[in-house]
Amino acid sequence: MDYWTNSSSAPELGQIKIPALILNAIDDPIPGEKCYPFEQAEKSRTLFLEAAKQGGHVGFMSGSKDPVYYSERKAVEYALNY
């Protein structure tokens, strides 16, 4: 609990001035459902949240034949559009 309390970026999310993308998977076994900042992203003009149904913990593998991770593709797509 100490780690999550002291390491959380949640209190700082409202201060983001440069457009930022948060990409996380709902099926990530590490964080709990309270970690997804849906409300903050909805209210913000600079914070964008994509909570994919699948992706696991830091994975987002596109498939065994696709060497590019979904998270990498989304990061490039986001950077090119903002």
PDB file of N, CA and C in Angstrom:
ATOM      1  N   MET A   1       0.831  -1.190   0.000  1.00  0.00           N
ATOM      2  CA  MET A   1       0.000   0.000   0.000  1.00  0.00           C
ATOM      3  C   MET A   1       0.878   1.257   0.000  1.00  0.00           C
ATOM      4  N   ASP A   2       1.978   1.214   0.756  1.00  0.00           N
ATOM      5  CA  ASP A   2       2.892   2.351   0.811  1.00  0.00           C
ATOM      6  C   ASP A   2       3.436   2.672  -0.585  1.00  0.00           C
ATOM      7  N   TYR A   3       3.825   1.645  -1.324  1.00  0.00           N
ATOM      8  CA  TYR A   3       4.351   1.851  -2.678  1.00  0.00           C
ATOM      9  C   TYR A   3       3.321   2.556  -3.555  1.00  0.00           C
ATOM     10  N   TRP A   4       2.103   2.043  -3.593  1.00  0.00           N
ATOM     11  CA  TRP A   4       1.069   2.625  -4.451  1.00  0.00           C
ATOM     12  C   TRP A   4       0.705   4.038  -4.011  1.00  0.00           C
ATOM     13  N   THR A   5       0.697   4.289  -2.732  1.00  0.00           N
ATOM     14  CA  THR A   5       0.369   5.622  -2.235  1.00  0.00           C
ATOM     15  C   THR A   5       1.442   6.639  -2.606  1.00  0.00           C
ATOM     16  N   ASN A   6       2.687   6.271  -2.442  1.00  0.00           N
ATOM     17  CA  ASN A   6       3.784   7.207  -2.672  1.00  0.00           C
ATOM     18  C   ASN A   6       4.288   7.250  -4.112  1.00  0.00           C
ATOM     19  N   SER A   7       3.965   6.254  -4.917  1.00  0.00           N
ATOM     20  CA  SER A   7       4.465   6.198  -6.287  1.00  0.00           C
ATOM     21  C   SER A   7       3.407   6.538  -7.330  1.00  0.00           C
ATOM     22  N   SER A   8       2.202   6.702  -6.923  1.00  0.00           N
ATOM     23  CA  SER A   8       1.123   6.961  -7.868  1.00  0.00           C
ATOM     24  C   SER A   8       1.270   8.319  -8.544  1.00  0.00           C
ATOM     25  N   SER A   9       1.021   8.338  -9.838  1.00  0.00           N
ATOM     26  CA  SER A   9       1.027   9.608 -10.571  1.00  0.00           C
ATOM     27  C   SER A   9      -0.365  10.238 -10.591  1.00  0.00           C
ATOM     28  N   ALA A  10      -1.340   9.570 -10.034  1.00  0.00           N
ATOM     29  CA  ALA A  10      -2.729  10.051 -10.062  1.00  0.00           C
ATOM     30  C   ALA A  10      -2.889  11.497  -9.591  1.00  0.00           C
ATOM     31  N   PRO A  11      -2.249  11.917  -8.502  1.00  0.00           N
ATOM     32  CA  PRO A  11      -2.425  13.301  -8.061  1.00  0.00           C
ATOM     33  C   PRO A  11      -1.888  14.337  -9.055  1.00  0.00           C
ATOM     34  N   GLU A  12      -0.994  13.932  -9.943  1.00  0.00           N
ATOM     35  CA  GLU A  12      -0.370  14.847 -10.894  1.00  0.00           C
ATOM     36  C   GLU A  12      -1.067  14.884 -12.251  1.00  0.00           C
ATOM     37  N   LEU A  13      -1.976  13.972 -12.514  1.00  0.00           N
ATOM     38  CA  LEU A  13      -2.583  13.875 -13.839  1.00  0.00           C
ATOM     39  C   LEU A  13      -3.297  15.149 -14.275  1.00  0.00           C
ATOM     40  N   GLY A  14      -3.917  15.834 -13.372  1.00  0.00           N
ATOM     41  CA  GLY A  14      -4.627  17.059 -13.694  1.00  0.00           C
ATOM     42  C   GLY A  14      -3.706  18.209 -14.067  1.00  0.00           C
ATOM     43  N   GLN A  15      -2.421  18.049 -13.847  1.00  0.00           N
ATOM     44  CA  GLN A  15      -1.457  19.112 -14.148  1.00  0.00           C
ATOM     45  C   GLN A  15      -0.738  18.905 -15.481  1.00  0.00           C
ATOM     46  N   ILE A  16      -1.084  17.860 -16.202  1.00  0.00           N
ATOM     47  CA  ILE A  16      -0.443  17.591 -17.486  1.00  0.00           C
ATOM     48  C   ILE A  16      -0.858  18.661 -18.482  1.00  0.00           C
ATOM     49  N   LYS A  17       0.106  19.325 -19.071  1.00  0.00           N
ATOM     50  CA  LYS A  17      -0.166  20.409 -20.024  1.00  0.00           C
ATOM     51  C   LYS A  17       0.106  19.989 -21.468  1.00  0.00           C
ATOM     52  N   ILE A  18       1.039  19.069 -21.655  1.00  0.00           N
ATOM     53  CA  ILE A  18       1.361  18.562 -22.984  1.00  0.00           C
ATOM     54  C   ILE A  18       0.523  17.299 -23.207  1.00  0.00           C
ATOM     55  N   PRO A  19      -0.148  17.174 -24.359  1.00  0.00           N
ATOM     56  CA  PRO A  19      -0.976  15.987 -24.594  1.00  0.00           C
ATOM     57  C   PRO A  19      -0.220  14.697 -24.299  1.00  0.00           C
ATOM     58  N   ALA A  20      -0.857  13.830 -23.531  1.00  0.00           N
ATOM     59  CA  ALA A  20      -0.234  12.582 -23.099  1.00  0.00           C
ATOM     60  C   ALA A  20      -1.209  11.428 -23.267  1.00  0.00           C
ATOM     61  N   LEU A  21      -0.681  10.306 -23.679  1.00  0.00           N
ATOM     62  CA  LEU A  21      -1.468   9.087 -23.857  1.00  0.00           C
ATOM     63  C   LEU A  21      -1.125   8.098 -22.759  1.00  0.00           C
ATOM     64  N   ILE A  22      -2.140   7.594 -22.105  1.00  0.00           N
ATOM     65  CA  ILE A  22      -1.979   6.500 -21.149  1.00  0.00           C
ATOM     66  C   ILE A  22      -2.596   5.273 -21.802  1.00  0.00           C
ATOM     67  N   LEU A  23      -1.799   4.263 -21.964  1.00  0.00           N
ATOM     68  CA  LEU A  23      -2.253   3.026 -22.590  1.00  0.00           C
ATOM     69  C   LEU A  23      -2.081   1.905 -21.579  1.00  0.00           C
ATOM     70  N   ASN A  24      -3.191   1.254 -21.261  1.00  0.00           N
ATOM     71  CA  ASN A  24      -3.145   0.161 -20.303  1.00  0.00           C
ATOM     72  C   ASN A  24      -4.169  -0.879 -20.700  1.00  0.00           C
ATOM     73  N   ALA A  25      -3.986  -2.075 -20.221  1.00  0.00           N
ATOM     74  CA  ALA A  25      -4.901  -3.162 -20.528  1.00  0.00           C
ATOM     75  C   ALA A  25      -5.746  -3.507 -19.308  1.00  0.00           C
ATOM     76  N   ILE A  26      -7.016  -3.674 -19.548  1.00  0.00           N
ATOM     77  CA  ILE A  26      -7.937  -4.040 -18.463  1.00  0.00           C
ATOM     78  C   ILE A  26      -7.550  -5.389 -17.853  1.00  0.00           C
ATOM     79  N   ASP A  27      -6.990  -6.291 -18.673  1.00  0.00           N
ATOM     80  CA  ASP A  27      -6.627  -7.614 -18.148  1.00  0.00           C
ATOM     81  C   ASP A  27      -5.223  -7.650 -17.535  1.00  0.00           C
ATOM     82  N   ASP A  28      -4.612  -6.499 -17.309  1.00  0.00           N
ATOM     83  CA  ASP A  28      -3.315  -6.441 -16.637  1.00  0.00           C
ATOM     84  C   ASP A  28      -3.507  -6.949 -15.211  1.00  0.00           C
ATOM     85  N   PRO A  29      -2.792  -7.982 -14.815  1.00  0.00           N
ATOM     86  CA  PRO A  29      -3.013  -8.568 -13.487  1.00  0.00           C
ATOM     87  C   PRO A  29      -2.411  -7.770 -12.328  1.00  0.00           C
ATOM     88  N   ILE A  30      -1.590  -6.766 -12.609  1.00  0.00           N
ATOM     89  CA  ILE A  30      -0.918  -6.037 -11.537  1.00  0.00           C
ATOM     90  C   ILE A  30      -1.780  -4.939 -10.906  1.00  0.00           C
ATOM     91  N   PRO A  31      -2.228  -3.930 -11.667  1.00  0.00           N
ATOM     92  CA  PRO A  31      -3.001  -2.852 -11.035  1.00  0.00           C
ATOM     93  C   PRO A  31      -4.453  -3.247 -10.791  1.00  0.00           C
ATOM     94  N   GLY A  32      -5.059  -2.616  -9.856  1.00  0.00           N
ATOM     95  CA  GLY A  32      -6.476  -2.851  -9.600  1.00  0.00           C
ATOM     96  C   GLY A  32      -7.325  -1.949 -10.472  1.00  0.00           C
ATOM     97  N   GLU A  33      -8.620  -2.159 -10.472  1.00  0.00           N
ATOM     98  CA  GLU A  33      -9.505  -1.378 -11.334  1.00  0.00           C
ATOM     99  C   GLU A  33      -9.551   0.100 -10.960  1.00  0.00           C
ATOM    100  N   LYS A  34      -9.139   0.448  -9.759  1.00  0.00           N
ATOM    101  CA  LYS A  34      -9.133   1.851  -9.342  1.00  0.00           C
ATOM    102  C   LYS A  34      -7.987   2.642  -9.972  1.00  0.00           C
ATOM    103  N   CYS A  35      -7.047   1.957 -10.599  1.00  0.00           N
ATOM    104  CA  CYS A  35      -5.876   2.660 -11.137  1.00  0.00           C
ATOM    105  C   CYS A  35      -6.168   3.370 -12.457  1.00  0.00           C
ATOM    106  N   TYR A  36      -7.218   3.012 -13.139  1.00  0.00           N
ATOM    107  CA  TYR A  36      -7.494   3.598 -14.448  1.00  0.00           C
ATOM    108  C   TYR A  36      -8.151   4.966 -14.267  1.00  0.00           C
ATOM    109  N   PRO A  37      -7.502   6.036 -14.743  1.00  0.00           N
ATOM    110  CA  PRO A  37      -8.013   7.389 -14.515  1.00  0.00           C
ATOM    111  C   PRO A  37      -9.075   7.818 -15.536  1.00  0.00           C
ATOM    112  N   PHE A  38     -10.152   7.060 -15.615  1.00  0.00           N
ATOM    113  CA  PHE A  38     -11.207   7.358 -16.582  1.00  0.00           C
ATOM    114  C   PHE A  38     -11.772   8.764 -16.374  1.00  0.00           C
ATOM    115  N   GLU A  39     -12.064   9.109 -15.145  1.00  0.00           N
ATOM    116  CA  GLU A  39     -12.677  10.408 -14.845  1.00  0.00           C
ATOM    117  C   GLU A  39     -11.723  11.560 -15.178  1.00  0.00           C
ATOM    118  N   GLN A  40     -10.458  11.433 -14.796  1.00  0.00           N
ATOM    119  CA  GLN A  40      -9.498  12.492 -15.084  1.00  0.00           C
ATOM    120  C   GLN A  40      -9.333  12.679 -16.594  1.00  0.00           C
ATOM    121  N   ALA A  41      -9.253  11.578 -17.347  1.00  0.00           N
ATOM    122  CA  ALA A  41      -9.084  11.661 -18.800  1.00  0.00           C
ATOM    123  C   ALA A  41     -10.312  12.281 -19.455  1.00  0.00           C
ATOM    124  N   GLU A  42     -11.473  11.947 -18.942  1.00  0.00           N
ATOM    125  CA  GLU A  42     -12.714  12.488 -19.506  1.00  0.00           C
ATOM    126  C   GLU A  42     -12.785  14.009 -19.333  1.00  0.00           C
ATOM    127  N   LYS A  43     -12.272  14.500 -18.231  1.00  0.00           N
ATOM    128  CA  LYS A  43     -12.327  15.935 -17.931  1.00  0.00           C
ATOM    129  C   LYS A  43     -11.170  16.720 -18.554  1.00  0.00           C
ATOM    130  N   SER A  44     -10.135  16.042 -18.992  1.00  0.00           N
ATOM    131  CA  SER A  44      -8.926  16.705 -19.448  1.00  0.00           C
ATOM    132  C   SER A  44      -8.899  16.906 -20.960  1.00  0.00           C
ATOM    133  N   ARG A  45      -8.285  18.009 -21.376  1.00  0.00           N
ATOM    134  CA  ARG A  45      -8.076  18.260 -22.807  1.00  0.00           C
ATOM    135  C   ARG A  45      -6.713  17.740 -23.248  1.00  0.00           C
ATOM    136  N   THR A  46      -5.876  17.323 -22.312  1.00  0.00           N
ATOM    137  CA  THR A  46      -4.520  16.893 -22.651  1.00  0.00           C
ATOM    138  C   THR A  46      -4.201  15.455 -22.248  1.00  0.00           C
ATOM    139  N   LEU A  47      -5.079  14.812 -21.536  1.00  0.00           N
ATOM    140  CA  LEU A  47      -4.842  13.447 -21.070  1.00  0.00           C
ATOM    141  C   LEU A  47      -5.766  12.490 -21.807  1.00  0.00           C
ATOM    142  N   PHE A  48      -5.170  11.543 -22.499  1.00  0.00           N
ATOM    143  CA  PHE A  48      -5.950  10.581 -23.279  1.00  0.00           C
ATOM    144  C   PHE A  48      -5.673   9.185 -22.750  1.00  0.00           C
ATOM    145  N   LEU A  49      -6.732   8.474 -22.460  1.00  0.00           N
ATOM    146  CA  LEU A  49      -6.625   7.138 -21.886  1.00  0.00           C
ATOM    147  C   LEU A  49      -7.217   6.122 -22.841  1.00  0.00           C
ATOM    148  N   GLU A  50      -6.440   5.107 -23.128  1.00  0.00           N
ATOM    149  CA  GLU A  50      -6.964   3.952 -23.859  1.00  0.00           C
ATOM    150  C   GLU A  50      -6.795   2.750 -22.955  1.00  0.00           C
ATOM    151  N   ALA A  51      -7.905   2.175 -22.568  1.00  0.00           N
ATOM    152  CA  ALA A  51      -7.902   0.983 -21.719  1.00  0.00           C
ATOM    153  C   ALA A  51      -8.373  -0.186 -22.582  1.00  0.00           C
ATOM    154  N   ALA A  52      -7.413  -0.858 -23.185  1.00  0.00           N
ATOM    155  CA  ALA A  52      -7.716  -1.988 -24.062  1.00  0.00           C
ATOM    156  C   ALA A  52      -8.221  -3.170 -23.240  1.00  0.00           C
ATOM    157  N   LYS A  53      -9.092  -3.953 -23.820  1.00  0.00           N
ATOM    158  CA  LYS A  53      -9.627  -5.124 -23.113  1.00  0.00           C
ATOM    159  C   LYS A  53      -8.533  -6.148 -22.855  1.00  0.00           C
ATOM    160  N   GLN A  54      -7.598  -6.271 -23.787  1.00  0.00           N
ATOM    161  CA  GLN A  54      -6.529  -7.252 -23.640  1.00  0.00           C
ATOM    162  C   GLN A  54      -5.183  -6.585 -23.868  1.00  0.00           C
ATOM    163  N   GLY A  55      -4.166  -7.199 -23.356  1.00  0.00           N
ATOM    164  CA  GLY A  55      -2.820  -6.677 -23.523  1.00  0.00           C
ATOM    165  C   GLY A  55      -1.895  -7.176 -22.438  1.00  0.00           C
ATOM    166  N   GLY A  56      -2.483  -7.633 -21.352  1.00  0.00           N
ATOM    167  CA  GLY A  56      -1.670  -8.149 -20.268  1.00  0.00           C
ATOM    168  C   GLY A  56      -0.844  -7.076 -19.594  1.00  0.00           C
ATOM    169  N   HIS A  57       0.227  -7.483 -18.973  1.00  0.00           N
ATOM    170  CA  HIS A  57       1.091  -6.550 -18.255  1.00  0.00           C
ATOM    171  C   HIS A  57       2.255  -6.144 -19.156  1.00  0.00           C
ATOM    172  N   VAL A  58       2.223  -4.961 -19.669  1.00  0.00           N
ATOM    173  CA  VAL A  58       3.255  -4.360 -20.503  1.00  0.00           C
ATOM    174  C   VAL A  58       3.470  -5.138 -21.805  1.00  0.00           C
ATOM    175  N   GLY A  59       2.516  -5.919 -22.220  1.00  0.00           N
ATOM    176  CA  GLY A  59       2.708  -6.736 -23.404  1.00  0.00           C
ATOM    177  C   GLY A  59       2.178  -6.138 -24.676  1.00  0.00           C
ATOM    178  N   PHE A  60       0.895  -6.229 -24.857  1.00  0.00           N
ATOM    179  CA  PHE A  60       0.243  -5.733 -26.057  1.00  0.00           C
ATOM    180  C   PHE A  60       0.849  -6.338 -27.319  1.00  0.00           C
ATOM    181  N   MET A  61       1.178  -7.619 -27.270  1.00  0.00           N
ATOM    182  CA  MET A  61       1.717  -8.256 -28.459  1.00  0.00           C
ATOM    183  C   MET A  61       0.640  -8.290 -29.533  1.00  0.00           C
ATOM    184  N   SER A  62       1.035  -7.968 -30.764  1.00  0.00           N
ATOM    185  CA  SER A  62       0.085  -7.929 -31.868  1.00  0.00           C
ATOM    186  C   SER A  62      -0.225  -9.317 -32.410  1.00  0.00           C
ATOM    187  N   GLY A  63       0.649 -10.227 -32.241  1.00  0.00           N
ATOM    188  CA  GLY A  63       0.476 -11.587 -32.741  1.00  0.00           C
ATOM    189  C   GLY A  63       1.841 -12.202 -32.997  1.00  0.00           C
ATOM    190  N   SER A  64       1.879 -13.492 -33.134  1.00  0.00           N
ATOM    191  CA  SER A  64       3.171 -14.163 -33.272  1.00  0.00           C
ATOM    192  C   SER A  64       3.886 -13.805 -34.571  1.00  0.00           C
ATOM    193  N   LYS A  65       3.157 -13.423 -35.614  1.00  0.00           N
ATOM    194  CA  LYS A  65       3.786 -13.080 -36.893  1.00  0.00           C
ATOM    195  C   LYS A  65       4.044 -11.583 -37.029  1.00  0.00           C
ATOM    196  N   ASP A  66       3.536 -10.777 -36.127  1.00  0.00           N
ATOM    197  CA  ASP A  66       3.698  -9.329 -36.179  1.00  0.00           C
ATOM    198  C   ASP A  66       4.740  -8.905 -35.151  1.00  0.00           C
ATOM    199  N   PRO A  67       5.923  -8.444 -35.611  1.00  0.00           N
ATOM    200  CA  PRO A  67       6.981  -8.081 -34.663  1.00  0.00           C
ATOM    201  C   PRO A  67       6.755  -6.742 -33.956  1.00  0.00           C
ATOM    202  N   VAL A  68       5.752  -5.979 -34.360  1.00  0.00           N
ATOM    203  CA  VAL A  68       5.497  -4.686 -33.746  1.00  0.00           C
ATOM    204  C   VAL A  68       4.425  -4.838 -32.668  1.00  0.00           C
ATOM    205  N   TYR A  69       4.733  -4.378 -31.486  1.00  0.00           N
ATOM    206  CA  TYR A  69       3.779  -4.436 -30.391  1.00  0.00           C
ATOM    207  C   TYR A  69       2.670  -3.408 -30.597  1.00  0.00           C
ATOM    208  N   TYR A  70       1.479  -3.729 -30.138  1.00  0.00           N
ATOM    209  CA  TYR A  70       0.346  -2.813 -30.237  1.00  0.00           C
ATOM    210  C   TYR A  70       0.660  -1.488 -29.548  1.00  0.00           C
ATOM    211  N   SER A  71       1.309  -1.540 -28.397  1.00  0.00           N
ATOM    212  CA  SER A  71       1.638  -0.316 -27.666  1.00  0.00           C
ATOM    213  C   SER A  71       2.595   0.562 -28.470  1.00  0.00           C
ATOM    214  N   GLU A  72       3.539  -0.047 -29.181  1.00  0.00           N
ATOM    215  CA  GLU A  72       4.459   0.722 -30.017  1.00  0.00           C
ATOM    216  C   GLU A  72       3.706   1.387 -31.163  1.00  0.00           C
ATOM    217  N   ARG A  73       2.821   0.651 -31.791  1.00  0.00           N
ATOM    218  CA  ARG A  73       2.036   1.186 -32.900  1.00  0.00           C
ATOM    219  C   ARG A  73       1.170   2.357 -32.425  1.00  0.00           C
ATOM    220  N   LYS A  74       0.530   2.200 -31.280  1.00  0.00           N
ATOM    221  CA  LYS A  74      -0.317   3.269 -30.741  1.00  0.00           C
ATOM    222  C   LYS A  74       0.503   4.500 -30.364  1.00  0.00           C
ATOM    223  N   ALA A  75       1.685   4.317 -29.817  1.00  0.00           N
ATOM    224  CA  ALA A  75       2.542   5.438 -29.440  1.00  0.00           C
ATOM    225  C   ALA A  75       2.942   6.252 -30.668  1.00  0.00           C
ATOM    226  N   VAL A  76       3.323   5.568 -31.745  1.00  0.00           N
ATOM    227  CA  VAL A  76       3.694   6.257 -32.980  1.00  0.00           C
ATOM    228  C   VAL A  76       2.478   6.960 -33.567  1.00  0.00           C
ATOM    229  N   GLU A  77       1.355   6.285 -33.603  1.00  0.00           N
ATOM    230  CA  GLU A  77       0.114   6.877 -34.128  1.00  0.00           C
ATOM    231  C   GLU A  77      -0.248   8.134 -33.341  1.00  0.00           C
ATOM    232  N   TYR A  78      -0.154   8.049 -32.043  1.00  0.00           N
ATOM    233  CA  TYR A  78      -0.472   9.182 -31.176  1.00  0.00           C
ATOM    234  C   TYR A  78       0.485  10.347 -31.438  1.00  0.00           C
ATOM    235  N   ALA A  79       1.789  10.051 -31.491  1.00  0.00           N
ATOM    236  CA  ALA A  79       2.788  11.094 -31.698  1.00  0.00           C
ATOM    237  C   ALA A  79       2.608  11.788 -33.053  1.00  0.00           C
ATOM    238  N   LEU A  80       2.234  11.055 -34.055  1.00  0.00           N
ATOM    239  CA  LEU A  80       2.052  11.636 -35.386  1.00  0.00           C
ATOM    240  C   LEU A  80       0.804  12.501 -35.487  1.00  0.00           C
ATOM    241  N   ASN A  81      -0.149  12.267 -34.610  1.00  0.00           N
ATOM    242  CA  ASN A  81      -1.404  13.013 -34.649  1.00  0.00           C
ATOM    243  C   ASN A  81      -1.454  14.201 -33.694  1.00  0.00           C
ATOM    244  N   TYR A  82      -0.467  14.335 -32.808  1.00  0.00           N
ATOM    245  CA  TYR A  82      -0.483  15.435 -31.830  1.00  0.00           C
ATOM    246  C   TYR A  82       0.789  16.201 -31.849  1.00  0.00           C
TER     247      TYR A  82
END
